[in-house]
Amino acid sequence: DSVKGRFTISGDNAKTTLYLQMNSLKPEDTAVYYCNLIGVGSWWGQG
């Protein structure tokens, strides 16, 4: 709810790249952002 209308998630057709467009950023958006993939398992990026 805190990012609706400001952030947009998308992926490329090959499904190898995930994007997060972040607009109208606020100080409370400050954080380490991690990517997650769920398939046969669950994997995380380094942030």
All heavy atoms as atom14 arrays in JSON, in Angstrom:
{
  "sequence": "DSVKGRFTISGDNAKTTLYLQMNSLKPEDTAVYYCNLIGVGSWWGQG",
  "atom14_mask": [
    [1, 1, 1, 1, 1, 1, 1, 1, 0, 0, 0, 0, 0, 0],
    [1, 1, 1, 1, 1, 1, 0, 0, 0, 0, 0, 0, 0, 0],
    [1, 1, 1, 1, 1, 1, 1, 0, 0, 0, 0, 0, 0, 0],
    [1, 1, 1, 1, 1, 1, 1, 1, 1, 0, 0, 0, 0, 0],
    [1, 1, 1, 1, 0, 0, 0, 0, 0, 0, 0, 0, 0, 0],
    [1, 1, 1, 1, 1, 1, 1, 1, 1, 1, 1, 0, 0, 0],
    [1, 1, 1, 1, 1, 1, 1, 1, 1, 1, 1, 0, 0, 0],
    [1, 1, 1, 1, 1, 1, 1, 0, 0, 0, 0, 0, 0, 0],
    [1, 1, 1, 1, 1, 1, 1, 1, 0, 0, 0, 0, 0, 0],
    [1, 1, 1, 1, 1, 1, 0, 0, 0, 0, 0, 0, 0, 0],
    [1, 1, 1, 1, 0, 0, 0, 0, 0, 0, 0, 0, 0, 0],
    [1, 1, 1, 1, 1, 1, 1, 1, 0, 0, 0, 0, 0, 0],
    [1, 1, 1, 1, 1, 1, 1, 1, 0, 0, 0, 0, 0, 0],
    [1, 1, 1, 1, 1, 0, 0, 0, 0, 0, 0, 0, 0, 0],
    [1, 1, 1, 1, 1, 1, 1, 1, 1, 0, 0, 0, 0, 0],
    [1, 1, 1, 1, 1, 1, 1, 0, 0, 0, 0, 0, 0, 0],
    [1, 1, 1, 1, 1, 1, 1, 0, 0, 0, 0, 0, 0, 0],
    [1, 1, 1, 1, 1, 1, 1, 1, 0, 0, 0, 0, 0, 0],
    [1, 1, 1, 1, 1, 1, 1, 1, 1, 1, 1, 1, 0, 0],
    [1, 1, 1, 1, 1, 1, 1, 1, 0, 0, 0, 0, 0, 0],
    [1, 1, 1, 1, 1, 1, 1, 1, 1, 0, 0, 0, 0, 0],
    [1, 1, 1, 1, 1, 1, 1, 1, 0, 0, 0, 0, 0, 0],
    [1, 1, 1, 1, 1, 1, 1, 1, 0, 0, 0, 0, 0, 0],
    [1, 1, 1, 1, 1, 1, 0, 0, 0, 0, 0, 0, 0, 0],
    [1, 1, 1, 1, 1, 1, 1, 1, 0, 0, 0, 0, 0, 0],
    [1, 1, 1, 1, 1, 1, 1, 1, 1, 0, 0, 0, 0, 0],
    [1, 1, 1, 1, 1, 1, 1, 0, 0, 0, 0, 0, 0, 0],
    [1, 1, 1, 1, 1, 1, 1, 1, 1, 0, 0, 0, 0, 0],
    [1, 1, 1, 1, 1, 1, 1, 1, 0, 0, 0, 0, 0, 0],
    [1, 1, 1, 1, 1, 1, 1, 0, 0, 0, 0, 0, 0, 0],
    [1, 1, 1, 1, 1, 0, 0, 0, 0, 0, 0, 0, 0, 0],
    [1, 1, 1, 1, 1, 1, 1, 0, 0, 0, 0, 0, 0, 0],
    [1, 1, 1, 1, 1, 1, 1, 1, 1, 1, 1, 1, 0, 0],
    [1, 1, 1, 1, 1, 1, 1, 1, 1, 1, 1, 1, 0, 0],
    [1, 1, 1, 1, 1, 1, 0, 0, 0, 0, 0, 0, 0, 0],
    [1, 1, 1, 1, 1, 1, 1, 1, 0, 0, 0, 0, 0, 0],
    [1, 1, 1, 1, 1, 1, 1, 1, 0, 0, 0, 0, 0, 0],
    [1, 1, 1, 1, 1, 1, 1, 1, 0, 0, 0, 0, 0, 0],
    [1, 1, 1, 1, 0, 0, 0, 0, 0, 0, 0, 0, 0, 0],
    [1, 1, 1, 1, 1, 1, 1, 0, 0, 0, 0, 0, 0, 0],
    [1, 1, 1, 1, 0, 0, 0, 0, 0, 0, 0, 0, 0, 0],
    [1, 1, 1, 1, 1, 1, 0, 0, 0, 0, 0, 0, 0, 0],
    [1, 1, 1, 1, 1, 1, 1, 1, 1, 1, 1, 1, 1, 1],
    [1, 1, 1, 1, 1, 1, 1, 1, 1, 1, 1, 1, 1, 1],
    [1, 1, 1, 1, 0, 0, 0, 0, 0, 0, 0, 0, 0, 0],
    [1, 1, 1, 1, 1, 1, 1, 1, 1, 0, 0, 0, 0, 0],
    [1, 1, 1, 1, 0, 0, 0, 0, 0, 0, 0, 0, 0, 0]
  ],
  "atom14_positions": [
    [[0.82, -1.2, 0.0], [0.0, 0.0, 0.0], [0.86, 1.26, 0.0], [0.49, 2.27, -0.61], [-0.93, 0.01, 1.21], [-2.06, -1.0, 1.09], [-2.34, -1.46, -0.04], [-2.66, -1.33, 2.12], [0.0, 0.0, 0.0], [0.0, 0.0, 0.0], [0.0, 0.0, 0.0], [0.0, 0.0, 0.0], [0.0, 0.0, 0.0], [0.0, 0.0, 0.0]],
    [[2.0, 1.19, 0.67], [2.85, 2.37, 0.81], [3.49, 2.83, -0.49], [3.98, 3.96, -0.57], [3.95, 2.1, 1.85], [4.74, 0.99, 1.45], [0.0, 0.0, 0.0], [0.0, 0.0, 0.0], [0.0, 0.0, 0.0], [0.0, 0.0, 0.0], [0.0, 0.0, 0.0], [0.0, 0.0, 0.0], [0.0, 0.0, 0.0], [0.0, 0.0, 0.0]],
    [[3.5, 1.96, -1.52], [4.17, 2.33, -2.77], [3.21, 2.38, -3.95], [3.62, 2.75, -5.06], [5.34, 1.38, -3.1], [6.3, 1.28, -1.92], [4.84, 0.01, -3.51], [0.0, 0.0, 0.0], [0.0, 0.0, 0.0], [0.0, 0.0, 0.0], [0.0, 0.0, 0.0], [0.0, 0.0, 0.0], [0.0, 0.0, 0.0], [0.0, 0.0, 0.0]],
    [[1.95, 2.03, -3.74], [0.98, 2.03, -4.84], [0.89, 3.41, -5.47], [0.82, 4.42, -4.77], [-0.39, 1.6, -4.34], [-0.54, 0.11, -4.14], [-1.93, -0.25, -3.65], [-2.07, -1.75, -3.43], [-3.4, -2.11, -2.87], [0.0, 0.0, 0.0], [0.0, 0.0, 0.0], [0.0, 0.0, 0.0], [0.0, 0.0, 0.0], [0.0, 0.0, 0.0]],
    [[0.92, 3.43, -6.8], [0.84, 4.69, -7.52], [2.17, 5.38, -7.7], [2.27, 6.35, -8.45], [0.0, 0.0, 0.0], [0.0, 0.0, 0.0], [0.0, 0.0, 0.0], [0.0, 0.0, 0.0], [0.0, 0.0, 0.0], [0.0, 0.0, 0.0], [0.0, 0.0, 0.0], [0.0, 0.0, 0.0], [0.0, 0.0, 0.0], [0.0, 0.0, 0.0]],
    [[3.2, 4.89, -7.03], [4.53, 5.5, -7.15], [5.55, 4.55, -7.76], [6.45, 4.97, -8.48], [5.04, 5.95, -5.77], [4.17, 6.97, -5.08], [4.83, 7.51, -3.81], [5.06, 6.48, -2.81], [6.26, 6.18, -2.32], [7.34, 6.84, -2.73], [6.38, 5.24, -1.38], [0.0, 0.0, 0.0], [0.0, 0.0, 0.0], [0.0, 0.0, 0.0]],
    [[5.43, 3.27, -7.46], [6.38, 2.26, -7.95], [5.71, 1.39, -9.0], [4.51, 1.1, -8.91], [6.85, 1.37, -6.81], [7.73, 2.03, -5.79], [7.93, 3.4, -5.77], [8.39, 1.26, -4.84], [8.74, 4.0, -4.82], [9.2, 1.83, -3.88], [9.38, 3.21, -3.87], [0.0, 0.0, 0.0], [0.0, 0.0, 0.0], [0.0, 0.0, 0.0]],
    [[6.5, 0.94, -9.97], [6.01, 0.03, -11.0], [7.0, -1.11, -11.2], [8.19, -0.85, -11.45], [5.8, 0.76, -12.33], [4.9, 1.85, -12.15], [5.23, -0.19, -13.38], [0.0, 0.0, 0.0], [0.0, 0.0, 0.0], [0.0, 0.0, 0.0], [0.0, 0.0, 0.0], [0.0, 0.0, 0.0], [0.0, 0.0, 0.0], [0.0, 0.0, 0.0]],
    [[6.5, -2.33, -11.1], [7.34, -3.5, -11.32], [7.11, -4.01, -12.74], [5.98, -3.98, -13.25], [7.05, -4.61, -10.28], [8.09, -5.72, -10.36], [5.62, -5.14, -10.42], [7.98, -6.74, -9.21], [0.0, 0.0, 0.0], [0.0, 0.0, 0.0], [0.0, 0.0, 0.0], [0.0, 0.0, 0.0], [0.0, 0.0, 0.0], [0.0, 0.0, 0.0]],
    [[8.18, -4.47, -13.38], [8.06, -5.01, -14.73], [9.2, -5.98, -14.98], [10.17, -6.03, -14.22], [8.06, -3.89, -15.77], [9.28, -3.19, -15.74], [0.0, 0.0, 0.0], [0.0, 0.0, 0.0], [0.0, 0.0, 0.0], [0.0, 0.0, 0.0], [0.0, 0.0, 0.0], [0.0, 0.0, 0.0], [0.0, 0.0, 0.0], [0.0, 0.0, 0.0]],
    [[9.04, -6.75, -16.05], [10.08, -7.7, -16.42], [10.25, -7.72, -17.91], [9.36, -7.31, -18.65], [0.0, 0.0, 0.0], [0.0, 0.0, 0.0], [0.0, 0.0, 0.0], [0.0, 0.0, 0.0], [0.0, 0.0, 0.0], [0.0, 0.0, 0.0], [0.0, 0.0, 0.0], [0.0, 0.0, 0.0], [0.0, 0.0, 0.0], [0.0, 0.0, 0.0]],
    [[11.39, -8.21, -18.37], [11.59, -8.3, -19.82], [10.95, -9.58, -20.34], [10.58, -10.47, -19.58], [13.07, -8.22, -20.18], [13.86, -9.42, -19.68], [13.29, -10.27, -18.97], [15.06, -9.5, -19.99], [0.0, 0.0, 0.0], [0.0, 0.0, 0.0], [0.0, 0.0, 0.0], [0.0, 0.0, 0.0], [0.0, 0.0, 0.0], [0.0, 0.0, 0.0]],
    [[10.81, -9.69, -21.64], [10.13, -10.84, -22.24], [10.85, -12.15, -21.98], [10.23, -13.2, -21.93], [9.97, -10.62, -23.75], [8.95, -9.55, -24.07], [8.04, -9.29, -23.29], [9.09, -8.91, -25.22], [0.0, 0.0, 0.0], [0.0, 0.0, 0.0], [0.0, 0.0, 0.0], [0.0, 0.0, 0.0], [0.0, 0.0, 0.0], [0.0, 0.0, 0.0]],
    [[12.15, -12.09, -21.86], [12.92, -13.3, -21.58], [12.82, -13.72, -20.13], [13.3, -14.79, -19.77], [14.38, -13.09, -21.96], [0.0, 0.0, 0.0], [0.0, 0.0, 0.0], [0.0, 0.0, 0.0], [0.0, 0.0, 0.0], [0.0, 0.0, 0.0], [0.0, 0.0, 0.0], [0.0, 0.0, 0.0], [0.0, 0.0, 0.0], [0.0, 0.0, 0.0]],
    [[12.22, -12.86, -19.31], [12.04, -13.12, -17.88], [13.37, -13.31, -17.17], [13.47, -14.04, -16.2], [11.13, -14.34, -17.66], [9.74, -14.15, -18.18], [8.87, -15.36, -17.9], [7.46, -15.15, -18.43], [6.6, -16.31, -18.19], [0.0, 0.0, 0.0], [0.0, 0.0, 0.0], [0.0, 0.0, 0.0], [0.0, 0.0, 0.0], [0.0, 0.0, 0.0]],
    [[14.39, -12.64, -17.7], [15.68, -12.74, -17.02], [16.03, -11.48, -16.26], [16.97, -11.48, -15.47], [16.8, -13.02, -18.03], [16.82, -11.98, -19.02], [16.59, -14.36, -18.7], [0.0, 0.0, 0.0], [0.0, 0.0, 0.0], [0.0, 0.0, 0.0], [0.0, 0.0, 0.0], [0.0, 0.0, 0.0], [0.0, 0.0, 0.0], [0.0, 0.0, 0.0]],
    [[15.29, -10.4, -16.5], [15.55, -9.15, -15.81], [14.27, -8.59, -15.23], [13.25, -8.53, -15.91], [16.18, -8.11, -16.75], [17.35, -8.66, -17.35], [16.56, -6.85, -15.99], [0.0, 0.0, 0.0], [0.0, 0.0, 0.0], [0.0, 0.0, 0.0], [0.0, 0.0, 0.0], [0.0, 0.0, 0.0], [0.0, 0.0, 0.0], [0.0, 0.0, 0.0]],
    [[14.34, -8.18, -13.98], [13.21, -7.59, -13.27], [13.55, -6.15, -12.97], [14.69, -5.84, -12.62], [12.95, -8.35, -11.97], [11.72, -7.94, -11.16], [10.45, -8.39, -11.86], [11.79, -8.54, -9.76], [0.0, 0.0, 0.0], [0.0, 0.0, 0.0], [0.0, 0.0, 0.0], [0.0, 0.0, 0.0], [0.0, 0.0, 0.0], [0.0, 0.0, 0.0]],
    [[12.56, -5.28, -13.12], [12.78, -3.86, -12.88], [11.83, -3.34, -11.8], [10.75, -3.89, -11.59], [12.54, -3.05, -14.15], [13.38, -3.46, -15.33], [12.86, -4.27, -16.33], [14.7, -3.04, -15.45], [13.63, -4.66, -17.42], [15.48, -3.43, -16.53], [14.94, -4.24, -17.51], [15.71, -4.62, -18.58], [0.0, 0.0, 0.0], [0.0, 0.0, 0.0]],
    [[12.25, -2.27, -11.17], [11.37, -1.54, -10.26], [11.59, -0.05, -10.51], [12.63, 0.48, -10.18], [11.66, -1.88, -8.8], [10.69, -1.24, -7.79], [9.29, -1.83, -7.95], [11.19, -1.41, -6.36], [0.0, 0.0, 0.0], [0.0, 0.0, 0.0], [0.0, 0.0, 0.0], [0.0, 0.0, 0.0], [0.0, 0.0, 0.0], [0.0, 0.0, 0.0]],
    [[10.61, 0.57, -11.14], [10.66, 2.01, -11.36], [10.06, 2.68, -10.13], [8.91, 2.42, -9.78], [9.86, 2.39, -12.61], [9.82, 3.88, -12.88], [11.18, 4.45, -13.23], [11.92, 3.88, -14.0], [11.5, 5.61, -12.66], [0.0, 0.0, 0.0], [0.0, 0.0, 0.0], [0.0, 0.0, 0.0], [0.0, 0.0, 0.0], [0.0, 0.0, 0.0]],
    [[10.85, 3.52, -9.5], [10.42, 4.17, -8.27], [10.36, 5.67, -8.5], [11.38, 6.3, -8.79], [11.38, 3.84, -7.13], [11.59, 2.35, -6.92], [12.57, 1.96, -5.47], [14.15, 2.65, -5.96], [0.0, 0.0, 0.0], [0.0, 0.0, 0.0], [0.0, 0.0, 0.0], [0.0, 0.0, 0.0], [0.0, 0.0, 0.0], [0.0, 0.0, 0.0]],
    [[9.17, 6.23, -8.4], [8.97, 7.67, -8.58], [8.47, 8.29, -7.28], [8.01, 7.59, -6.38], [7.96, 7.92, -9.7], [8.4, 7.38, -11.04], [9.59, 7.35, -11.36], [7.43, 6.95, -11.84], [0.0, 0.0, 0.0], [0.0, 0.0, 0.0], [0.0, 0.0, 0.0], [0.0, 0.0, 0.0], [0.0, 0.0, 0.0], [0.0, 0.0, 0.0]],
    [[8.56, 9.6, -7.21], [8.09, 10.34, -6.04], [8.62, 9.73, -4.75], [7.88, 9.48, -3.79], [6.55, 10.36, -6.02], [6.04, 10.94, -7.19], [0.0, 0.0, 0.0], [0.0, 0.0, 0.0], [0.0, 0.0, 0.0], [0.0, 0.0, 0.0], [0.0, 0.0, 0.0], [0.0, 0.0, 0.0], [0.0, 0.0, 0.0], [0.0, 0.0, 0.0]],
    [[9.91, 9.5, -4.74], [10.52, 8.83, -3.59], [10.44, 9.68, -2.33], [10.52, 10.92, -2.38], [11.97, 8.48, -3.9], [12.13, 7.24, -4.81], [13.5, 7.21, -5.47], [11.89, 5.97, -4.0], [0.0, 0.0, 0.0], [0.0, 0.0, 0.0], [0.0, 0.0, 0.0], [0.0, 0.0, 0.0], [0.0, 0.0, 0.0], [0.0, 0.0, 0.0]],
    [[10.28, 8.98, -1.21], [10.16, 9.61, 0.09], [11.28, 9.11, 1.01], [11.8, 8.03, 0.79], [8.8, 9.24, 0.72], [7.59, 9.58, -0.13], [6.32, 9.08, 0.53], [5.09, 9.39, -0.31], [3.84, 8.9, 0.34], [0.0, 0.0, 0.0], [0.0, 0.0, 0.0], [0.0, 0.0, 0.0], [0.0, 0.0, 0.0], [0.0, 0.0, 0.0]],
    [[11.62, 9.88, 2.03], [12.66, 9.41, 2.96], [12.36, 8.04, 3.55], [13.28, 7.25, 3.8], [12.67, 10.51, 4.02], [12.24, 11.74, 3.3], [11.21, 11.26, 2.31], [0.0, 0.0, 0.0], [0.0, 0.0, 0.0], [0.0, 0.0, 0.0], [0.0, 0.0, 0.0], [0.0, 0.0, 0.0], [0.0, 0.0, 0.0], [0.0, 0.0, 0.0]],
    [[11.08, 7.74, 3.74], [10.71, 6.44, 4.32], [10.91, 5.28, 3.35], [10.74, 4.12, 3.73], [9.27, 6.46, 4.82], [8.25, 6.96, 3.84], [7.93, 8.44, 4.07], [8.86, 9.24, 4.29], [6.72, 8.79, 4.0], [0.0, 0.0, 0.0], [0.0, 0.0, 0.0], [0.0, 0.0, 0.0], [0.0, 0.0, 0.0], [0.0, 0.0, 0.0]],
    [[11.25, 5.57, 2.1], [11.59, 4.52, 1.14], [13.05, 4.06, 1.29], [13.46, 3.11, 0.64], [11.37, 5.0, -0.29], [9.91, 5.28, -0.6], [9.05, 4.48, -0.18], [9.63, 6.3, -1.26], [0.0, 0.0, 0.0], [0.0, 0.0, 0.0], [0.0, 0.0, 0.0], [0.0, 0.0, 0.0], [0.0, 0.0, 0.0], [0.0, 0.0, 0.0]],
    [[13.8, 4.75, 2.13], [15.2, 4.4, 2.34], [15.3, 3.0, 2.92], [14.69, 2.68, 3.94], [15.86, 5.41, 3.29], [15.88, 6.7, 2.67], [17.28, 4.98, 3.63], [0.0, 0.0, 0.0], [0.0, 0.0, 0.0], [0.0, 0.0, 0.0], [0.0, 0.0, 0.0], [0.0, 0.0, 0.0], [0.0, 0.0, 0.0], [0.0, 0.0, 0.0]],
    [[16.07, 2.15, 2.25], [16.22, 0.75, 2.66], [17.18, 0.05, 1.72], [17.56, 0.61, 0.68], [14.87, 0.05, 2.63], [0.0, 0.0, 0.0], [0.0, 0.0, 0.0], [0.0, 0.0, 0.0], [0.0, 0.0, 0.0], [0.0, 0.0, 0.0], [0.0, 0.0, 0.0], [0.0, 0.0, 0.0], [0.0, 0.0, 0.0], [0.0, 0.0, 0.0]],
    [[17.53, -1.16, 2.08], [18.21, -2.05, 1.14], [17.11, -2.82, 0.41], [16.23, -3.41, 1.03], [19.16, -3.03, 1.85], [19.8, -3.97, 0.84], [20.23, -2.26, 2.62], [0.0, 0.0, 0.0], [0.0, 0.0, 0.0], [0.0, 0.0, 0.0], [0.0, 0.0, 0.0], [0.0, 0.0, 0.0], [0.0, 0.0, 0.0], [0.0, 0.0, 0.0]],
    [[17.17, -2.78, -0.91], [16.16, -3.43, -1.75], [16.73, -4.75, -2.28], [17.83, -4.78, -2.84], [15.76, -2.51, -2.88], [14.84, -1.4, -2.44], [15.3, -0.36, -1.64], [13.48, -1.4, -2.79], [14.45, 0.64, -1.2], [12.63, -0.39, -2.36], [13.13, 0.62, -1.57], [12.28, 1.61, -1.14], [0.0, 0.0, 0.0], [0.0, 0.0, 0.0]],
    [[15.93, -5.8, -2.12], [16.34, -7.15, -2.52], [15.41, -7.69, -3.6], [14.19, -7.5, -3.54], [16.3, -8.1, -1.32], [17.24, -7.76, -0.2], [16.84, -6.93, 0.84], [18.53, -8.26, -0.18], [17.7, -6.62, 1.89], [19.4, -7.97, 0.86], [18.98, -7.14, 1.88], [19.83, -6.85, 2.91], [0.0, 0.0, 0.0], [0.0, 0.0, 0.0]],
    [[16.0, -8.42, -4.5], [15.26, -9.13, -5.53], [15.06, -10.58, -5.08], [15.96, -11.18, -4.49], [16.05, -9.09, -6.84], [15.35, -9.99, -8.22], [0.0, 0.0, 0.0], [0.0, 0.0, 0.0], [0.0, 0.0, 0.0], [0.0, 0.0, 0.0], [0.0, 0.0, 0.0], [0.0, 0.0, 0.0], [0.0, 0.0, 0.0], [0.0, 0.0, 0.0]],
    [[13.89, -11.12, -5.35], [13.56, -12.5, -4.98], [12.97, -13.23, -6.18], [12.19, -12.65, -6.95], [12.57, -12.5, -3.83], [12.05, -13.88, -3.48], [10.89, -14.21, -3.73], [12.9, -14.7, -2.9], [0.0, 0.0, 0.0], [0.0, 0.0, 0.0], [0.0, 0.0, 0.0], [0.0, 0.0, 0.0], [0.0, 0.0, 0.0], [0.0, 0.0, 0.0]],
    [[13.37, -14.48, -6.34], [12.82, -15.33, -7.4], [12.29, -16.61, -6.78], [12.99, -17.25, -5.98], [13.91, -15.66, -8.43], [13.5, -16.44, -9.69], [14.48, -16.14, -10.82], [13.42, -17.95, -9.46], [0.0, 0.0, 0.0], [0.0, 0.0, 0.0], [0.0, 0.0, 0.0], [0.0, 0.0, 0.0], [0.0, 0.0, 0.0], [0.0, 0.0, 0.0]],
    [[11.07, -16.97, -7.1], [10.45, -18.19, -6.6], [10.17, -19.11, -7.78], [9.47, -18.72, -8.73], [9.15, -17.89, -5.85], [9.43, -17.01, -4.63], [8.49, -19.2, -5.39], [8.19, -16.55, -3.9], [0.0, 0.0, 0.0], [0.0, 0.0, 0.0], [0.0, 0.0, 0.0], [0.0, 0.0, 0.0], [0.0, 0.0, 0.0], [0.0, 0.0, 0.0]],
    [[10.76, -20.29, -7.73], [10.52, -21.28, -8.77], [10.53, -22.64, -8.12], [9.68, -22.95, -7.28], [0.0, 0.0, 0.0], [0.0, 0.0, 0.0], [0.0, 0.0, 0.0], [0.0, 0.0, 0.0], [0.0, 0.0, 0.0], [0.0, 0.0, 0.0], [0.0, 0.0, 0.0], [0.0, 0.0, 0.0], [0.0, 0.0, 0.0], [0.0, 0.0, 0.0]],
    [[11.52, -23.44, -8.43], [11.67, -24.72, -7.73], [12.19, -24.48, -6.32], [12.14, -25.37, -5.47], [12.59, -25.68, -8.5], [11.95, -26.06, -9.83], [13.96, -25.08, -8.74], [0.0, 0.0, 0.0], [0.0, 0.0, 0.0], [0.0, 0.0, 0.0], [0.0, 0.0, 0.0], [0.0, 0.0, 0.0], [0.0, 0.0, 0.0], [0.0, 0.0, 0.0]],
    [[12.71, -23.31, -6.09], [13.18, -22.89, -4.77], [12.96, -21.4, -4.65], [12.19, -20.81, -5.41], [0.0, 0.0, 0.0], [0.0, 0.0, 0.0], [0.0, 0.0, 0.0], [0.0, 0.0, 0.0], [0.0, 0.0, 0.0], [0.0, 0.0, 0.0], [0.0, 0.0, 0.0], [0.0, 0.0, 0.0], [0.0, 0.0, 0.0], [0.0, 0.0, 0.0]],
    [[13.62, -20.79, -3.69], [13.54, -19.35, -3.5], [14.95, -18.79, -3.37], [15.75, -19.3, -2.58], [12.73, -19.02, -2.24], [12.65, -17.62, -2.03], [0.0, 0.0, 0.0], [0.0, 0.0, 0.0], [0.0, 0.0, 0.0], [0.0, 0.0, 0.0], [0.0, 0.0, 0.0], [0.0, 0.0, 0.0], [0.0, 0.0, 0.0], [0.0, 0.0, 0.0]],
    [[15.23, -17.78, -4.18], [16.57, -17.2, -4.19], [16.5, -15.69, -3.96], [15.5, -15.05, -4.35], [17.26, -17.47, -5.53], [17.62, -18.91, -5.71], [18.78, -19.52, -5.36], [16.78, -19.92, -6.28], [18.74, -20.85, -5.69], [17.53, -21.14, -6.25], [15.51, -19.94, -6.81], [17.02, -22.34, -6.73], [14.99, -21.14, -7.29], [15.75, -22.31, -7.25]],
    [[17.57, -15.15, -3.39], [17.67, -13.74, -3.09], [18.94, -13.15, -3.67], [19.97, -13.83, -3.74], [17.69, -13.51, -1.57], [16.42, -13.88, -0.88], [16.12, -15.09, -0.36], [15.29, -13.04, -0.64], [14.86, -15.06, 0.21], [14.33, -13.81, 0.04], [14.99, -11.7, -0.94], [13.09, -13.3, 0.43], [13.77, -11.2, -0.54], [12.83, -11.98, 0.13]],
    [[18.85, -11.9, -4.07], [20.04, -11.18, -4.45], [20.73, -10.61, -3.22], [20.28, -10.79, -2.09], [0.0, 0.0, 0.0], [0.0, 0.0, 0.0], [0.0, 0.0, 0.0], [0.0, 0.0, 0.0], [0.0, 0.0, 0.0], [0.0, 0.0, 0.0], [0.0, 0.0, 0.0], [0.0, 0.0, 0.0], [0.0, 0.0, 0.0], [0.0, 0.0, 0.0]],
    [[21.83, -9.89, -3.48], [22.64, -9.36, -2.37], [22.11, -8.02, -1.87], [22.51, -7.55, -0.8], [24.1, -9.21, -2.81], [24.41, -7.94, -3.58], [23.85, -7.92, -4.99], [23.38, -8.94, -5.5], [23.89, -6.75, -5.63], [0.0, 0.0, 0.0], [0.0, 0.0, 0.0], [0.0, 0.0, 0.0], [0.0, 0.0, 0.0], [0.0, 0.0, 0.0]],
    [[21.22, -7.41, -2.63], [20.62, -6.15, -2.22], [21.32, -4.94, -2.79], [22.51, -4.97, -3.11], [0.0, 0.0, 0.0], [0.0, 0.0, 0.0], [0.0, 0.0, 0.0], [0.0, 0.0, 0.0], [0.0, 0.0, 0.0], [0.0, 0.0, 0.0], [0.0, 0.0, 0.0], [0.0, 0.0, 0.0], [0.0, 0.0, 0.0], [0.0, 0.0, 0.0]]
  ]
}
